[in-house]
C-alpha cells in the first residue's frame, strides 16, 4: 500500500493456503518473508519486483518465522511438530540446521535477542519457554513454564537485553529477567 495515496500497489498470490505470518527484512525493506499456514511453505520475495521470490517446503505447517538479527541472510521457522529450522534466504534448498525445540508440541513463537548474539527464545503450546544458544549449533540453556499457558508471543526488550516478554492463553503477560539463566552460558552481556 502507498500510505500517501491510500492505493494498493501490488498483491502477490505466492502461497497455496492462507498466509499466517509476514516479516520485512530489517536491512532491506523490499524483502519480505512470509509463511503459508496449511501448505508448510515459506517464501522470501521482493515486494518491489513481480515474480521474484524463493520458496521452501519446510515439511510441516509453519507456526512462526523470524529473521536472524546478526546473520542477515538467515531466517528461522518454527513448525507445528516442534522443530526450529534455519534457512539461507539467498538460495532455496535444505535447512542449514534443524532441531526439536519442543517435543510433542508446536513451536509457536521465536524471538532473537538483538544485543546478545546467538541467544534465541522459543515458546510452545506445551506452555514452556526455552532459551537457546545458537552460536554454534543449538544448545538449550533453560526451559521454563512461567504461568502464561500456551505461549503465543515472545519478544526481547530492545533496550534491556536481559528482559524477555511473553504472553499466552491465560491472558497474562510476563516479563522474565534472564540474567541468572544465561550467566553460565558464555554470552557477552552488554550493560543496559
N, C-alpha and C. Protein backbone atom coordinates (compact mmCIF):
# COMPACT_ATOMS: atom_id res chain seq x y z
N UNK A 1 0.84 -1.18 0.00
CA UNK A 1 0.00 0.00 0.00
C UNK A 1 0.88 1.24 0.00
N UNK A 2 0.45 2.23 -0.76
CA UNK A 2 1.06 3.55 -0.70
C UNK A 2 0.24 4.34 0.33
N UNK A 3 0.86 4.65 1.46
CA UNK A 3 0.12 5.32 2.52
C UNK A 3 -0.23 6.76 2.18
N UNK A 4 0.52 7.36 1.26
CA UNK A 4 0.22 8.73 0.83
C UNK A 4 -1.07 8.76 0.02
N UNK A 5 -1.17 7.88 -0.97
CA UNK A 5 -2.34 7.89 -1.86
C UNK A 5 -3.43 6.93 -1.41
N UNK A 6 -3.10 6.07 -0.46
CA UNK A 6 -4.01 5.04 0.04
C UNK A 6 -4.44 4.08 -1.07
N UNK A 7 -3.48 3.80 -1.97
CA UNK A 7 -3.74 2.90 -3.08
C UNK A 7 -2.91 1.63 -2.91
N UNK A 8 -3.51 0.51 -3.30
CA UNK A 8 -2.79 -0.76 -3.29
C UNK A 8 -1.83 -0.79 -4.48
N UNK A 9 -0.56 -0.99 -4.20
CA UNK A 9 0.46 -1.01 -5.26
C UNK A 9 0.63 -2.39 -5.87
N UNK A 10 0.54 -3.44 -5.05
CA UNK A 10 0.79 -4.78 -5.58
C UNK A 10 0.23 -5.82 -4.61
N UNK A 11 -0.29 -6.87 -5.16
CA UNK A 11 -0.62 -8.06 -4.38
C UNK A 11 0.13 -9.23 -5.01
N UNK A 12 0.46 -10.20 -4.18
CA UNK A 12 1.15 -11.38 -4.67
C UNK A 12 0.45 -12.62 -4.13
N UNK A 13 0.13 -13.54 -4.99
CA UNK A 13 -0.50 -14.80 -4.59
C UNK A 13 0.53 -15.91 -4.78
N UNK A 14 1.42 -16.05 -3.80
CA UNK A 14 2.52 -17.00 -3.91
C UNK A 14 2.30 -18.27 -3.10
N UNK A 15 1.46 -18.22 -2.07
CA UNK A 15 1.22 -19.38 -1.21
C UNK A 15 0.01 -20.16 -1.69
N UNK A 16 0.00 -21.45 -1.35
CA UNK A 16 -1.13 -22.31 -1.71
C UNK A 16 -2.19 -22.37 -0.64
N UNK A 17 -2.02 -21.60 0.43
CA UNK A 17 -3.00 -21.57 1.52
C UNK A 17 -2.93 -20.20 2.19
N UNK A 18 -3.65 -20.07 3.29
CA UNK A 18 -3.67 -18.80 4.00
C UNK A 18 -2.26 -18.37 4.38
N UNK A 19 -2.00 -17.06 4.34
CA UNK A 19 -0.72 -16.52 4.79
C UNK A 19 -0.85 -16.27 6.29
N UNK A 20 0.05 -16.89 7.06
CA UNK A 20 -0.03 -16.82 8.51
C UNK A 20 0.83 -15.69 9.08
N UNK A 21 2.05 -15.54 8.58
CA UNK A 21 2.99 -14.56 9.13
C UNK A 21 3.69 -13.84 8.00
N UNK A 22 4.05 -12.57 8.24
CA UNK A 22 4.89 -11.80 7.33
C UNK A 22 5.90 -11.01 8.15
N UNK A 23 7.13 -10.91 7.65
CA UNK A 23 8.19 -10.16 8.33
C UNK A 23 9.06 -9.49 7.27
N UNK A 24 9.16 -8.17 7.33
CA UNK A 24 10.10 -7.47 6.46
C UNK A 24 11.51 -7.65 6.99
N UNK A 25 12.48 -7.65 6.08
CA UNK A 25 13.88 -7.72 6.45
C UNK A 25 14.30 -6.38 7.05
N UNK A 26 15.10 -6.41 8.11
CA UNK A 26 15.47 -5.18 8.81
C UNK A 26 16.43 -4.30 8.02
N UNK A 27 17.17 -4.87 7.07
CA UNK A 27 18.15 -4.10 6.31
C UNK A 27 17.71 -3.77 4.89
N UNK A 28 16.72 -4.47 4.38
CA UNK A 28 16.22 -4.22 3.03
C UNK A 28 14.69 -4.27 3.08
N UNK A 29 14.07 -3.11 3.04
CA UNK A 29 12.61 -3.01 3.20
C UNK A 29 11.84 -3.62 2.04
N UNK A 30 12.52 -4.02 0.97
CA UNK A 30 11.84 -4.65 -0.17
C UNK A 30 11.83 -6.17 -0.07
N UNK A 31 12.46 -6.73 0.95
CA UNK A 31 12.49 -8.18 1.10
C UNK A 31 11.48 -8.59 2.18
N UNK A 32 10.58 -9.48 1.81
CA UNK A 32 9.51 -9.92 2.69
C UNK A 32 9.58 -11.43 2.88
N UNK A 33 9.56 -11.86 4.12
CA UNK A 33 9.49 -13.27 4.50
C UNK A 33 8.04 -13.56 4.85
N UNK A 34 7.46 -14.62 4.31
CA UNK A 34 6.06 -14.96 4.60
C UNK A 34 5.90 -16.47 4.71
N UNK A 35 4.87 -16.87 5.44
CA UNK A 35 4.62 -18.31 5.61
C UNK A 35 3.16 -18.63 5.32
N UNK A 36 2.97 -19.80 4.70
CA UNK A 36 1.64 -20.31 4.45
C UNK A 36 1.22 -21.23 5.58
N UNK A 37 -0.01 -21.15 6.01
CA UNK A 37 -0.47 -21.92 7.16
C UNK A 37 -0.55 -23.41 6.86
N UNK A 38 -1.31 -23.78 5.87
CA UNK A 38 -1.55 -25.20 5.64
C UNK A 38 -0.60 -25.88 4.69
N UNK A 39 0.10 -25.11 3.86
CA UNK A 39 0.93 -25.75 2.84
C UNK A 39 2.38 -25.97 3.29
N UNK A 40 2.74 -25.53 4.49
CA UNK A 40 4.09 -25.76 5.00
C UNK A 40 5.17 -25.05 4.20
N UNK A 41 4.81 -23.90 3.61
CA UNK A 41 5.78 -23.20 2.78
C UNK A 41 6.22 -21.90 3.44
N UNK A 42 7.44 -21.49 3.07
CA UNK A 42 7.98 -20.20 3.46
C UNK A 42 8.51 -19.57 2.18
N UNK A 43 8.25 -18.28 2.00
CA UNK A 43 8.65 -17.59 0.79
C UNK A 43 9.39 -16.32 1.15
N UNK A 44 10.50 -16.08 0.46
CA UNK A 44 11.21 -14.79 0.51
C UNK A 44 10.97 -14.14 -0.84
N UNK A 45 10.34 -12.96 -0.81
CA UNK A 45 10.01 -12.28 -2.05
C UNK A 45 10.48 -10.83 -2.01
N UNK A 46 10.61 -10.26 -3.19
CA UNK A 46 10.90 -8.83 -3.31
C UNK A 46 9.58 -8.15 -3.62
N UNK A 47 9.19 -7.22 -2.78
CA UNK A 47 7.90 -6.55 -2.98
C UNK A 47 7.97 -5.47 -4.05
N UNK A 48 9.18 -5.11 -4.46
CA UNK A 48 9.33 -4.09 -5.50
C UNK A 48 9.44 -4.69 -6.90
N UNK A 49 9.43 -6.02 -6.99
CA UNK A 49 9.54 -6.69 -8.29
C UNK A 49 8.57 -7.85 -8.34
N UNK A 50 7.82 -7.93 -9.41
CA UNK A 50 6.87 -9.03 -9.56
C UNK A 50 7.59 -10.33 -9.85
N UNK A 51 7.09 -11.38 -9.27
CA UNK A 51 7.54 -12.76 -9.54
C UNK A 51 9.01 -12.99 -9.24
N UNK A 52 9.59 -12.25 -8.31
CA UNK A 52 10.96 -12.52 -7.88
C UNK A 52 10.88 -13.04 -6.45
N UNK A 53 11.00 -14.36 -6.31
CA UNK A 53 10.86 -14.98 -5.00
C UNK A 53 11.56 -16.33 -4.96
N UNK A 54 11.84 -16.80 -3.74
CA UNK A 54 12.34 -18.15 -3.49
C UNK A 54 11.36 -18.80 -2.52
N UNK A 55 11.15 -20.11 -2.69
CA UNK A 55 10.17 -20.82 -1.87
C UNK A 55 10.79 -22.08 -1.27
N UNK A 56 10.47 -22.34 0.00
CA UNK A 56 10.92 -23.53 0.72
C UNK A 56 9.72 -24.30 1.21
N UNK A 57 9.78 -25.63 1.09
CA UNK A 57 8.79 -26.51 1.72
C UNK A 57 9.46 -27.01 2.99
N UNK A 58 8.93 -26.62 4.16
CA UNK A 58 9.60 -26.97 5.42
C UNK A 58 9.11 -28.29 6.01
N UNK A 59 8.17 -28.95 5.35
CA UNK A 59 7.78 -30.30 5.74
C UNK A 59 6.74 -30.41 6.83
N UNK A 60 6.29 -29.28 7.36
CA UNK A 60 5.30 -29.28 8.42
C UNK A 60 4.63 -27.91 8.44
N UNK A 61 3.38 -27.81 8.90
CA UNK A 61 2.76 -26.49 8.98
C UNK A 61 3.61 -25.49 9.79
N UNK A 62 3.71 -24.28 9.27
CA UNK A 62 4.55 -23.24 9.87
C UNK A 62 3.76 -22.48 10.94
N UNK A 63 4.36 -22.35 12.11
CA UNK A 63 3.75 -21.61 13.22
C UNK A 63 4.39 -20.25 13.43
N UNK A 64 5.70 -20.14 13.14
CA UNK A 64 6.41 -18.88 13.39
C UNK A 64 7.58 -18.73 12.43
N UNK A 65 7.92 -17.47 12.13
CA UNK A 65 9.07 -17.15 11.29
C UNK A 65 9.80 -15.98 11.92
N UNK A 66 11.10 -15.91 11.68
CA UNK A 66 11.88 -14.81 12.24
C UNK A 66 13.18 -14.66 11.45
N UNK A 67 13.54 -13.43 11.13
CA UNK A 67 14.85 -13.15 10.56
C UNK A 67 15.89 -13.22 11.67
N UNK A 68 17.06 -13.74 11.36
CA UNK A 68 18.16 -13.77 12.33
C UNK A 68 18.80 -12.38 12.35
N UNK A 69 18.89 -11.72 13.50
CA UNK A 69 19.36 -10.32 13.51
C UNK A 69 20.85 -10.13 13.26
N UNK A 70 21.66 -11.12 13.56
CA UNK A 70 23.10 -10.97 13.34
C UNK A 70 23.57 -11.62 12.04
N UNK A 71 22.86 -12.60 11.55
CA UNK A 71 23.20 -13.26 10.28
C UNK A 71 22.09 -12.90 9.30
N UNK A 72 22.25 -11.78 8.66
CA UNK A 72 21.18 -11.13 7.90
C UNK A 72 20.62 -11.95 6.74
N UNK A 73 21.35 -12.94 6.27
CA UNK A 73 20.87 -13.78 5.18
C UNK A 73 20.07 -14.98 5.69
N UNK A 74 19.94 -15.12 7.00
CA UNK A 74 19.33 -16.31 7.57
C UNK A 74 17.96 -16.00 8.19
N UNK A 75 17.03 -16.94 8.03
CA UNK A 75 15.76 -16.88 8.75
C UNK A 75 15.50 -18.23 9.39
N UNK A 76 14.68 -18.23 10.43
CA UNK A 76 14.32 -19.47 11.10
C UNK A 76 12.81 -19.63 11.08
N UNK A 77 12.39 -20.89 11.16
CA UNK A 77 10.99 -21.26 11.09
C UNK A 77 10.69 -22.17 12.27
N UNK A 78 9.58 -21.92 12.96
CA UNK A 78 9.07 -22.83 13.98
C UNK A 78 7.87 -23.56 13.42
N UNK A 79 7.82 -24.87 13.62
CA UNK A 79 6.77 -25.67 12.97
C UNK A 79 5.84 -26.33 13.98
N UNK A 80 4.74 -26.85 13.45
CA UNK A 80 3.72 -27.47 14.31
C UNK A 80 4.20 -28.77 14.94
N UNK A 81 5.28 -29.36 14.41
CA UNK A 81 5.82 -30.56 15.02
C UNK A 81 6.95 -30.25 16.01
N UNK A 82 7.09 -28.96 16.38
CA UNK A 82 8.03 -28.56 17.43
C UNK A 82 9.45 -28.30 16.98
N UNK A 83 9.69 -28.29 15.68
CA UNK A 83 11.05 -28.08 15.19
C UNK A 83 11.34 -26.60 14.93
N UNK A 84 12.62 -26.26 15.03
CA UNK A 84 13.17 -24.99 14.53
C UNK A 84 14.08 -25.37 13.38
N UNK A 85 13.88 -24.70 12.25
CA UNK A 85 14.70 -24.94 11.08
C UNK A 85 15.24 -23.59 10.59
N UNK A 86 16.52 -23.55 10.23
CA UNK A 86 17.16 -22.33 9.73
C UNK A 86 17.47 -22.49 8.25
N UNK A 87 17.27 -21.39 7.50
CA UNK A 87 17.49 -21.41 6.05
C UNK A 87 18.29 -20.19 5.61
N UNK A 88 18.97 -20.34 4.49
CA UNK A 88 19.68 -19.25 3.84
C UNK A 88 18.73 -18.61 2.85
N UNK A 89 18.40 -17.33 3.04
CA UNK A 89 17.42 -16.64 2.20
C UNK A 89 17.93 -16.37 0.79
N UNK A 90 19.22 -16.57 0.57
CA UNK A 90 19.79 -16.29 -0.75
C UNK A 90 19.61 -17.44 -1.73
N UNK A 91 19.28 -18.64 -1.20
CA UNK A 91 19.13 -19.79 -2.09
C UNK A 91 18.15 -20.79 -1.49
N UNK A 92 17.21 -21.23 -2.31
CA UNK A 92 16.27 -22.25 -1.86
C UNK A 92 17.04 -23.56 -1.72
N UNK A 93 16.68 -24.33 -0.72
CA UNK A 93 17.36 -25.61 -0.51
C UNK A 93 17.04 -26.16 0.86
N UNK A 94 17.86 -27.09 1.28
CA UNK A 94 17.67 -27.74 2.56
C UNK A 94 17.98 -26.79 3.72
N UNK A 95 17.48 -27.15 4.88
CA UNK A 95 17.73 -26.37 6.08
C UNK A 95 19.22 -26.37 6.40
N UNK A 96 19.72 -25.23 6.88
CA UNK A 96 21.09 -25.14 7.35
C UNK A 96 21.26 -25.96 8.61
N UNK A 97 20.25 -25.89 9.48
CA UNK A 97 20.18 -26.75 10.64
C UNK A 97 18.73 -26.90 11.06
N UNK A 98 18.48 -27.95 11.82
CA UNK A 98 17.13 -28.26 12.28
C UNK A 98 17.24 -28.97 13.61
N UNK A 99 16.39 -28.61 14.56
CA UNK A 99 16.39 -29.32 15.84
C UNK A 99 15.01 -29.27 16.46
N UNK A 100 14.74 -30.29 17.29
CA UNK A 100 13.47 -30.39 18.01
C UNK A 100 13.51 -29.45 19.20
N UNK A 101 12.76 -28.35 19.14
CA UNK A 101 12.74 -27.37 20.23
C UNK A 101 11.71 -27.75 21.29
N UNK A 102 10.59 -28.32 20.88
CA UNK A 102 9.51 -28.69 21.80
C UNK A 102 8.95 -30.03 21.35
N UNK A 103 9.25 -31.10 22.08
CA UNK A 103 8.82 -32.44 21.71
C UNK A 103 7.32 -32.61 21.93
N UNK A 104 6.64 -33.13 20.93
CA UNK A 104 5.21 -33.41 21.05
C UNK A 104 4.34 -32.16 21.09
N UNK A 105 4.87 -31.03 20.68
CA UNK A 105 4.12 -29.77 20.71
C UNK A 105 4.63 -28.88 19.58
N UNK A 106 3.90 -27.79 19.32
CA UNK A 106 4.33 -26.88 18.27
C UNK A 106 5.30 -25.82 18.80
N UNK A 107 6.13 -25.32 17.92
CA UNK A 107 6.99 -24.18 18.24
C UNK A 107 6.24 -22.95 17.75
N UNK A 108 5.45 -22.35 18.63
CA UNK A 108 4.50 -21.31 18.23
C UNK A 108 5.12 -19.94 18.07
N UNK A 109 6.28 -19.68 18.68
CA UNK A 109 6.91 -18.37 18.52
C UNK A 109 8.42 -18.47 18.75
N UNK A 110 9.12 -17.56 18.08
CA UNK A 110 10.58 -17.49 18.15
C UNK A 110 10.96 -16.03 18.31
N UNK A 111 11.94 -15.77 19.17
CA UNK A 111 12.47 -14.41 19.32
C UNK A 111 13.98 -14.49 19.41
N UNK A 112 14.66 -13.57 18.73
CA UNK A 112 16.10 -13.44 18.84
C UNK A 112 16.42 -12.21 19.67
N UNK A 113 17.49 -12.32 20.44
CA UNK A 113 17.99 -11.18 21.19
C UNK A 113 18.88 -10.37 20.24
N UNK A 114 18.56 -9.12 20.04
CA UNK A 114 19.31 -8.28 19.10
C UNK A 114 20.63 -7.77 19.68
N UNK A 115 20.83 -7.94 20.98
CA UNK A 115 22.04 -7.44 21.64
C UNK A 115 22.99 -8.54 22.09
N UNK A 116 22.47 -9.74 22.29
CA UNK A 116 23.29 -10.87 22.71
C UNK A 116 23.30 -11.87 21.57
N UNK A 117 24.39 -11.87 20.82
CA UNK A 117 24.46 -12.69 19.62
C UNK A 117 24.30 -14.17 19.94
N UNK A 118 23.40 -14.82 19.19
CA UNK A 118 23.18 -16.26 19.33
C UNK A 118 22.19 -16.66 20.39
N UNK A 119 21.56 -15.70 21.05
CA UNK A 119 20.55 -16.02 22.07
C UNK A 119 19.16 -15.98 21.43
N UNK A 120 18.49 -17.12 21.48
CA UNK A 120 17.17 -17.26 20.88
C UNK A 120 16.22 -17.84 21.92
N UNK A 121 14.96 -17.42 21.87
CA UNK A 121 13.91 -17.97 22.73
C UNK A 121 12.84 -18.60 21.86
N UNK A 122 12.27 -19.71 22.34
CA UNK A 122 11.13 -20.33 21.67
C UNK A 122 10.02 -20.53 22.68
N UNK A 123 8.78 -20.44 22.19
CA UNK A 123 7.61 -20.70 23.02
C UNK A 123 6.74 -21.73 22.36
N UNK A 124 5.88 -22.37 23.17
CA UNK A 124 5.13 -23.50 22.65
C UNK A 124 3.75 -23.63 23.29
N UNK A 125 2.91 -24.40 22.60
CA UNK A 125 1.62 -24.74 23.20
C UNK A 125 1.77 -25.78 24.31
N UNK A 126 3.00 -26.25 24.57
CA UNK A 126 3.23 -27.10 25.74
C UNK A 126 3.41 -26.27 27.02
N UNK A 127 3.19 -24.95 26.88
CA UNK A 127 3.22 -23.98 27.99
C UNK A 127 4.63 -23.64 28.46
N UNK A 128 5.64 -23.98 27.65
CA UNK A 128 7.01 -23.71 28.07
C UNK A 128 7.69 -22.69 27.16
N UNK A 129 8.70 -22.05 27.74
CA UNK A 129 9.59 -21.14 27.03
C UNK A 129 11.01 -21.67 27.21
N UNK A 130 11.74 -21.76 26.10
CA UNK A 130 13.12 -22.24 26.16
C UNK A 130 14.06 -21.15 25.66
N UNK A 131 15.23 -21.06 26.29
CA UNK A 131 16.30 -20.20 25.83
C UNK A 131 17.35 -21.09 25.19
N UNK A 132 17.88 -20.65 24.03
CA UNK A 132 18.80 -21.44 23.24
C UNK A 132 20.06 -20.65 22.92
N UNK A 133 21.18 -21.35 22.89
CA UNK A 133 22.43 -20.81 22.38
C UNK A 133 22.58 -21.38 20.96
N UNK A 134 22.44 -20.52 19.95
CA UNK A 134 22.53 -20.98 18.56
C UNK A 134 23.77 -20.39 17.85
N UNK A 135 24.79 -20.06 18.63
CA UNK A 135 26.02 -19.53 18.02
C UNK A 135 26.73 -20.58 17.20
N UNK A 136 26.82 -21.79 17.71
CA UNK A 136 27.46 -22.91 17.01
C UNK A 136 26.59 -24.13 17.21
N UNK A 137 25.61 -24.30 16.34
CA UNK A 137 24.66 -25.38 16.52
C UNK A 137 23.49 -24.90 17.37
N UNK A 138 23.05 -25.74 18.27
CA UNK A 138 21.92 -25.40 19.13
C UNK A 138 22.09 -26.11 20.48
N UNK A 139 21.99 -25.35 21.53
CA UNK A 139 22.10 -25.91 22.88
C UNK A 139 21.05 -25.23 23.76
N UNK A 140 20.19 -26.05 24.37
CA UNK A 140 19.20 -25.48 25.27
C UNK A 140 19.90 -24.99 26.54
N UNK A 141 19.61 -23.79 26.92
CA UNK A 141 20.15 -23.21 28.14
C UNK A 141 19.21 -23.48 29.31
N UNK A 142 17.93 -23.24 29.09
CA UNK A 142 16.94 -23.45 30.13
C UNK A 142 15.56 -23.59 29.49
N UNK A 143 14.69 -24.34 30.14
CA UNK A 143 13.29 -24.47 29.72
C UNK A 143 12.44 -24.22 30.95
N UNK A 144 11.49 -23.30 30.83
CA UNK A 144 10.65 -22.94 31.98
C UNK A 144 9.18 -22.88 31.58
N UNK A 145 8.34 -23.21 32.55
CA UNK A 145 6.90 -22.99 32.44
C UNK A 145 6.61 -21.84 33.40
N UNK A 146 6.13 -20.73 32.84
CA UNK A 146 6.04 -19.49 33.62
C UNK A 146 4.62 -18.97 33.83
N UNK A 147 3.63 -19.82 33.65
CA UNK A 147 2.28 -19.47 34.04
C UNK A 147 1.47 -18.65 33.05
N UNK A 148 1.90 -18.61 31.77
CA UNK A 148 1.10 -17.87 30.78
C UNK A 148 0.25 -18.82 29.93
N UNK A 149 0.26 -20.11 30.27
CA UNK A 149 -0.48 -21.09 29.48
C UNK A 149 0.26 -21.39 28.19
N UNK A 150 -0.50 -21.72 27.15
CA UNK A 150 0.12 -21.94 25.84
C UNK A 150 0.77 -20.62 25.42
N UNK A 151 2.02 -20.69 25.00
CA UNK A 151 2.78 -19.47 24.70
C UNK A 151 2.56 -19.07 23.25
N UNK A 152 2.06 -17.84 23.06
CA UNK A 152 1.76 -17.33 21.72
C UNK A 152 2.70 -16.22 21.27
N UNK A 153 3.37 -15.54 22.19
CA UNK A 153 4.18 -14.37 21.83
C UNK A 153 5.40 -14.25 22.72
N UNK A 154 6.54 -13.90 22.10
CA UNK A 154 7.78 -13.63 22.82
C UNK A 154 8.48 -12.46 22.16
N UNK A 155 9.13 -11.62 22.97
CA UNK A 155 9.89 -10.50 22.42
C UNK A 155 10.93 -10.07 23.44
N UNK A 156 12.19 -9.96 22.99
CA UNK A 156 13.23 -9.41 23.85
C UNK A 156 13.10 -7.89 23.87
N UNK A 157 13.39 -7.30 25.01
CA UNK A 157 13.33 -5.85 25.15
C UNK A 157 14.43 -5.22 24.29
N UNK A 158 14.11 -4.22 23.47
CA UNK A 158 15.13 -3.63 22.60
C UNK A 158 16.16 -2.77 23.35
N UNK A 159 15.85 -2.37 24.58
CA UNK A 159 16.75 -1.52 25.35
C UNK A 159 17.45 -2.23 26.49
N UNK A 160 16.89 -3.33 26.95
CA UNK A 160 17.49 -4.10 28.03
C UNK A 160 17.62 -5.55 27.57
N UNK A 161 18.83 -6.00 27.22
CA UNK A 161 19.00 -7.31 26.61
C UNK A 161 18.67 -8.49 27.52
N UNK A 162 18.45 -8.25 28.82
CA UNK A 162 18.17 -9.37 29.72
C UNK A 162 16.69 -9.47 30.10
N UNK A 163 15.83 -8.74 29.39
CA UNK A 163 14.39 -8.84 29.63
C UNK A 163 13.69 -9.49 28.44
N UNK A 164 12.88 -10.50 28.74
CA UNK A 164 12.09 -11.20 27.73
C UNK A 164 10.63 -11.10 28.13
N UNK A 165 9.80 -10.61 27.23
CA UNK A 165 8.35 -10.54 27.49
C UNK A 165 7.66 -11.68 26.76
N UNK A 166 6.56 -12.13 27.33
CA UNK A 166 5.80 -13.21 26.71
C UNK A 166 4.34 -13.13 27.08
N UNK A 167 3.54 -13.85 26.34
CA UNK A 167 2.11 -13.91 26.62
C UNK A 167 1.53 -15.19 26.06
N UNK A 168 0.36 -15.54 26.58
CA UNK A 168 -0.24 -16.79 26.13
C UNK A 168 -1.71 -16.90 26.42
N UNK A 169 -2.17 -18.13 26.54
CA UNK A 169 -3.60 -18.44 26.61
C UNK A 169 -4.27 -18.05 27.92
N UNK A 170 -3.50 -17.72 28.96
CA UNK A 170 -4.12 -17.33 30.24
C UNK A 170 -4.47 -15.85 30.27
N UNK A 171 -4.23 -15.14 29.16
CA UNK A 171 -4.49 -13.70 29.07
C UNK A 171 -3.59 -12.91 30.02
N UNK A 172 -2.46 -13.49 30.37
CA UNK A 172 -1.48 -12.80 31.21
C UNK A 172 -0.21 -12.57 30.41
N UNK A 173 0.47 -11.49 30.76
CA UNK A 173 1.77 -11.21 30.17
C UNK A 173 2.83 -11.46 31.22
N UNK A 174 4.03 -11.74 30.78
CA UNK A 174 5.13 -11.91 31.72
C UNK A 174 6.32 -11.10 31.25
N UNK A 175 7.14 -10.69 32.18
CA UNK A 175 8.45 -10.12 31.88
C UNK A 175 9.44 -10.92 32.70
N UNK A 176 10.34 -11.59 32.00
CA UNK A 176 11.29 -12.52 32.61
C UNK A 176 12.68 -11.90 32.54
N UNK A 177 13.31 -11.74 33.68
CA UNK A 177 14.71 -11.31 33.74
C UNK A 177 15.57 -12.55 33.61
N UNK A 178 16.30 -12.65 32.50
CA UNK A 178 17.01 -13.89 32.16
C UNK A 178 18.48 -13.88 32.60
N UNK A 179 18.91 -12.85 33.29
CA UNK A 179 20.33 -12.70 33.65
C UNK A 179 20.89 -13.94 34.32
N UNK A 180 20.24 -14.43 35.36
CA UNK A 180 20.75 -15.61 36.08
C UNK A 180 20.70 -16.87 35.22
N UNK A 181 19.73 -16.95 34.32
CA UNK A 181 19.57 -18.14 33.49
C UNK A 181 20.67 -18.27 32.44
N UNK A 182 21.21 -17.15 31.97
CA UNK A 182 22.20 -17.22 30.89
C UNK A 182 23.63 -16.91 31.35
N UNK A 183 23.82 -16.61 32.63
CA UNK A 183 25.15 -16.17 33.09
C UNK A 183 26.25 -17.20 32.89
N UNK A 184 25.93 -18.48 32.91
CA UNK A 184 26.95 -19.52 32.75
C UNK A 184 27.04 -20.04 31.32
N UNK A 185 26.32 -19.42 30.38
CA UNK A 185 26.29 -19.93 29.01
C UNK A 185 27.38 -19.32 28.13
N UNK A 186 28.17 -18.39 28.68
CA UNK A 186 29.29 -17.83 27.92
C UNK A 186 28.94 -16.68 27.00
N UNK A 187 27.77 -16.08 27.20
CA UNK A 187 27.39 -14.94 26.40
C UNK A 187 28.05 -13.67 26.92
N UNK A 188 28.32 -12.75 26.02
CA UNK A 188 28.78 -11.43 26.40
C UNK A 188 27.52 -10.58 26.57
N UNK A 189 27.25 -10.16 27.81
CA UNK A 189 26.01 -9.44 28.10
C UNK A 189 26.34 -7.95 28.20
N UNK A 190 25.84 -7.15 27.23
CA UNK A 190 26.09 -5.71 27.30
C UNK A 190 25.33 -5.09 28.45
N UNK A 191 25.83 -4.00 28.99
CA UNK A 191 25.11 -3.31 30.06
C UNK A 191 23.91 -2.60 29.45
N UNK A 192 22.81 -2.57 30.21
CA UNK A 192 21.59 -1.98 29.68
C UNK A 192 21.51 -0.50 29.92
